[in-house]
C-alpha atoms as a PDB file:
ATOM      1  CA  MET A   1      79.538 104.356 116.645  1.00  0.00           C
ATOM      2  CA  ALA A   2      81.156 107.550 115.075  1.00  0.00           C
ATOM      3  CA  ILE A   3      84.806 107.287 114.025  1.00  0.00           C
ATOM      4  CA  VAL A   4      87.436 109.818 114.326  1.00  0.00           C
ATOM      5  CA  LEU A   5      90.314 109.264 112.072  1.00  0.00           C
ATOM      6  CA  ASP A   6      93.962 110.347 113.128  1.00  0.00           C
ATOM      7  CA  ALA A   7      95.977 111.688 110.276  1.00  0.00           C
ATOM      8  CA  SER A   8      98.246 108.423 110.385  1.00  0.00           C
ATOM      9  CA  ALA A   9      95.270 106.484 109.323  1.00  0.00           C
ATOM     10  CA  ILE A  10      94.183 108.763 106.520  1.00  0.00           C
ATOM     11  CA  ILE A  11      97.864 108.760 105.383  1.00  0.00           C
ATOM     12  CA  ALA A  12      98.142 104.859 105.474  1.00  0.00           C
ATOM     13  CA  HIS A  13      95.072 104.997 103.324  1.00  0.00           C
ATOM     14  CA  LEU A  14      96.078 107.608 100.738  1.00  0.00           C
ATOM     15  CA  ASN A  15      99.585 105.739 100.583  1.00  0.00           C
ATOM     16  CA  ALA A  16      98.216 102.284 100.301  1.00  0.00           C
ATOM     17  CA  GLU A  17     100.348 101.348 103.268  1.00  0.00           C
ATOM     18  CA  PRO A  18      99.639  98.543 105.697  1.00  0.00           C
ATOM     19  CA  GLY A  19      96.224  98.855 107.626  1.00  0.00           C
ATOM     20  CA  GLY A  20      95.374 101.464 104.848  1.00  0.00           C
ATOM     21  CA  ASP A  21      92.739  99.466 103.220  1.00  0.00           C
ATOM     22  CA  LYS A  22      90.792  99.369 106.757  1.00  0.00           C
ATOM     23  CA  VAL A  23      90.330 102.941 106.509  1.00  0.00           C
ATOM     24  CA  GLY A  24      88.463 103.366 103.072  1.00  0.00           C
ATOM     25  CA  PRO A  25      85.107 101.606 104.615  1.00  0.00           C
ATOM     26  CA  MET A  26      85.356 104.229 107.388  1.00  0.00           C
ATOM     27  CA  LEU A  27      85.748 107.187 105.429  1.00  0.00           C
ATOM     28  CA  ASP A  28      82.388 108.506 104.561  1.00  0.00           C
ATOM     29  CA  GLY A  29      81.127 110.767 107.214  1.00  0.00           C
ATOM     30  CA  ALA A  30      84.294 109.652 109.321  1.00  0.00           C
ATOM     31  CA  LEU A  31      85.165 112.638 111.716  1.00  0.00           C
ATOM     32  CA  VAL A  32      88.427 114.379 111.525  1.00  0.00           C
ATOM     33  CA  SER A  33      89.762 117.630 113.551  1.00  0.00           C
ATOM     34  CA  THR A  34      91.146 120.501 111.758  1.00  0.00           C
ATOM     35  CA  VAL A  35      94.336 119.722 113.583  1.00  0.00           C
ATOM     36  CA  ASN A  36      94.604 116.132 111.888  1.00  0.00           C
ATOM     37  CA  LEU A  37      93.464 117.375 108.616  1.00  0.00           C
ATOM     38  CA  CYS A  38      96.290 120.112 108.489  1.00  0.00           C
ATOM     39  CA  GLU A  39      98.900 117.207 109.441  1.00  0.00           C
ATOM     40  CA  VAL A  40      97.552 115.238 106.481  1.00  0.00           C
ATOM     41  CA  GLY A  41      97.876 118.370 104.277  1.00  0.00           C
ATOM     42  CA  THR A  42     101.380 118.912 105.463  1.00  0.00           C
ATOM     43  CA  LYS A  43     102.416 115.237 104.884  1.00  0.00           C
ATOM     44  CA  LEU A  44     101.208 115.757 101.302  1.00  0.00           C
ATOM     45  CA  THR A  45     103.017 118.730 100.682  1.00  0.00           C
ATOM     46  CA  ASP A  46     106.132 116.989 102.008  1.00  0.00           C
ATOM     47  CA  ARG A  47     105.564 114.514  99.351  1.00  0.00           C
ATOM     48  CA  GLY A  48     105.169 117.192  96.656  1.00  0.00           C
ATOM     49  CA  VAL A  49     101.550 117.246  95.931  1.00  0.00           C
ATOM     50  CA  PRO A  50     100.882 120.551  94.313  1.00  0.00           C
ATOM     51  CA  ASP A  51      98.735 123.071  96.670  1.00  0.00           C
ATOM     52  CA  ASP A  52      96.179 122.935  94.107  1.00  0.00           C
ATOM     53  CA  ASP A  53      95.521 119.087  94.287  1.00  0.00           C
ATOM     54  CA  LEU A  54      95.143 119.452  98.293  1.00  0.00           C
ATOM     55  CA  ASP A  55      91.651 120.272  98.264  1.00  0.00           C
ATOM     56  CA  VAL A  56      90.611 117.857  95.853  1.00  0.00           C
ATOM     57  CA  ILE A  57      92.316 114.920  97.902  1.00  0.00           C
ATOM     58  CA  ILE A  58      90.834 116.182 100.901  1.00  0.00           C
ATOM     59  CA  ASN A  59      87.408 116.308  99.328  1.00  0.00           C
ATOM     60  CA  ALA A  60      87.404 113.156  97.997  1.00  0.00           C
ATOM     61  CA  LEU A  61      87.823 111.709 101.225  1.00  0.00           C
ATOM     62  CA  ARG A  62      84.249 112.792 102.048  1.00  0.00           C
ATOM     63  CA  LEU A  63      85.255 113.540 105.910  1.00  0.00           C
ATOM     64  CA  SER A  64      83.402 115.687 108.341  1.00  0.00           C
ATOM     65  CA  VAL A  65      85.841 118.224 109.302  1.00  0.00           C
ATOM     66  CA  VAL A  66      85.407 119.254 112.847  1.00  0.00           C
ATOM     67  CA  ALA A  67      87.115 122.625 114.312  1.00  0.00           C
ATOM     68  CA  PHE A  68      89.490 122.321 117.150  1.00  0.00           C
ATOM     69  CA  ASP A  69      87.566 124.294 119.761  1.00  0.00           C
ATOM     70  CA  GLN A  70      88.046 125.339 123.469  1.00  0.00           C
ATOM     71  CA  ARG A  71      86.290 122.229 124.765  1.00  0.00           C
ATOM     72  CA  GLN A  72      88.702 120.074 122.635  1.00  0.00           C
ATOM     73  CA  SER A  73      91.429 121.884 123.536  1.00  0.00           C
ATOM     74  CA  ARG A  74      90.644 121.453 127.297  1.00  0.00           C
ATOM     75  CA  ILE A  75      90.402 117.766 126.983  1.00  0.00           C
ATOM     76  CA  ALA A  76      93.766 117.546 125.138  1.00  0.00           C
ATOM     77  CA  VAL A  77      95.411 119.078 127.758  1.00  0.00           C
ATOM     78  CA  GLY A  78      94.138 116.791 130.232  1.00  0.00           C
ATOM     79  CA  LEU A  79      95.152 113.986 128.108  1.00  0.00           C
ATOM     80  CA  ARG A  80      98.902 115.053 128.321  1.00  0.00           C
ATOM     81  CA  VAL A  81      99.603 113.400 131.697  1.00  0.00           C
ATOM     82  CA  PRO A  82      98.172 109.971 130.407  1.00  0.00           C
ATOM     83  CA  THR A  83      99.701 110.155 126.997  1.00  0.00           C
ATOM     84  CA  ARG A  84     103.110 111.588 127.972  1.00  0.00           C
ATOM     85  CA  PRO A  85     104.733 108.088 128.495  1.00  0.00           C
ATOM     86  CA  LYS A  86     103.867 107.173 124.813  1.00  0.00           C
ATOM     87  CA  GLY A  87     105.018 110.546 123.543  1.00  0.00           C
ATOM     88  CA  LEU A  88     102.029 111.488 121.742  1.00  0.00           C
ATOM     89  CA  SER A  89     102.039 114.864 120.079  1.00  0.00           C
ATOM     90  CA  LEU A  90      99.416 117.770 120.386  1.00  0.00           C
ATOM     91  CA  ALA A  91      97.812 116.457 117.113  1.00  0.00           C
ATOM     92  CA  ASP A  92      97.441 112.808 118.642  1.00  0.00           C
ATOM     93  CA  ARG A  93      96.059 114.488 121.518  1.00  0.00           C
ATOM     94  CA  ALA A  94      93.368 116.595 119.213  1.00  0.00           C
ATOM     95  CA  CYS A  95      92.315 113.406 117.755  1.00  0.00           C
ATOM     96  CA  LEU A  96      91.598 111.756 120.953  1.00  0.00           C
ATOM     97  CA  ALA A  97      90.017 114.668 122.277  1.00  0.00           C
ATOM     98  CA  LEU A  98      87.596 114.940 119.527  1.00  0.00           C
ATOM     99  CA  ALA A  99      86.823 111.408 119.852  1.00  0.00           C
ATOM    100  CA  LYS A 100      86.469 111.930 123.479  1.00  0.00           C
ATOM    101  CA  ALA A 101      84.064 115.001 123.275  1.00  0.00           C
ATOM    102  CA  THR A 102      81.920 112.936 120.315  1.00  0.00           C
ATOM    103  CA  ASP A 103      81.879 109.410 122.207  1.00  0.00           C
ATOM    104  CA  ALA A 104      83.513 108.334 119.000  1.00  0.00           C
ATOM    105  CA  THR A 105      86.360 105.506 118.177  1.00  0.00           C
ATOM    106  CA  ALA A 106      89.424 106.852 117.580  1.00  0.00           C
ATOM    107  CA  VAL A 107      90.988 105.281 114.263  1.00  0.00           C
ATOM    108  CA  THR A 108      94.868 105.141 114.159  1.00  0.00           C
ATOM    109  CA  ALA A 109      98.018 103.646 112.566  1.00  0.00           C
ATOM    110  CA  ASP A 110      99.958 104.364 115.630  1.00  0.00           C
ATOM    111  CA  ARG A 111     100.266 101.218 117.625  1.00  0.00           C
ATOM    112  CA  SER A 112     101.474 102.993 120.800  1.00  0.00           C
ATOM    113  CA  TRP A 113      97.728 103.891 121.141  1.00  0.00           C
ATOM    114  CA  ALA A 114      96.531 100.521 121.852  1.00  0.00           C
ATOM    115  CA  ASP A 115      96.870 100.272 125.521  1.00  0.00           C
ATOM    116  CA  LEU A 116      96.202 104.011 126.569  1.00  0.00           C
ATOM    117  CA  ASP A 117      94.287 104.588 129.472  1.00  0.00           C
ATOM    118  CA  THR A 118      92.310 107.761 128.279  1.00  0.00           C
ATOM    119  CA  GLY A 119      88.787 106.599 128.438  1.00  0.00           C
ATOM    120  CA  VAL A 120      88.634 106.798 124.765  1.00  0.00           C
ATOM    121  CA  THR A 121      88.023 103.473 122.569  1.00  0.00           C
ATOM    122  CA  VAL A 122      91.050 103.323 120.043  1.00  0.00           C
ATOM    123  CA  GLU A 123      91.206 101.108 116.852  1.00  0.00           C
ATOM    124  CA  VAL A 124      94.497 100.642 115.516  1.00  0.00           C
ATOM    125  CA  ILE A 125      94.584  99.531 111.756  1.00  0.00           C
ATOM    126  CA  ARG A 126      98.106  97.659 111.800  1.00  0.00           C
END
């Protein structure tokens, strides 16, 4: 089964946070939405990573980057109601939308996703 990584899972891996060790073996070829990739880049920039190093770090992850398209947008809109009680952001829903569109498992560090009823298989890394 295909894997879609949430930004939280990628950040956990990059920062050697709890659960981050589970992400390493998933990286090669895992899918990531452009929305979540932007989130990762933003977090790295906030940590002081120079702009010139962002592409090097991202490319080293060997992820398959998928553009957030109209179909995923519509799926993300449909996920608003079932995820609202958990406070999921647009970026969270973009990850879930890509997983739903590709029949993949969404991998996250966010424990609140564990019991979501969205029709998407979710794996929480911590």
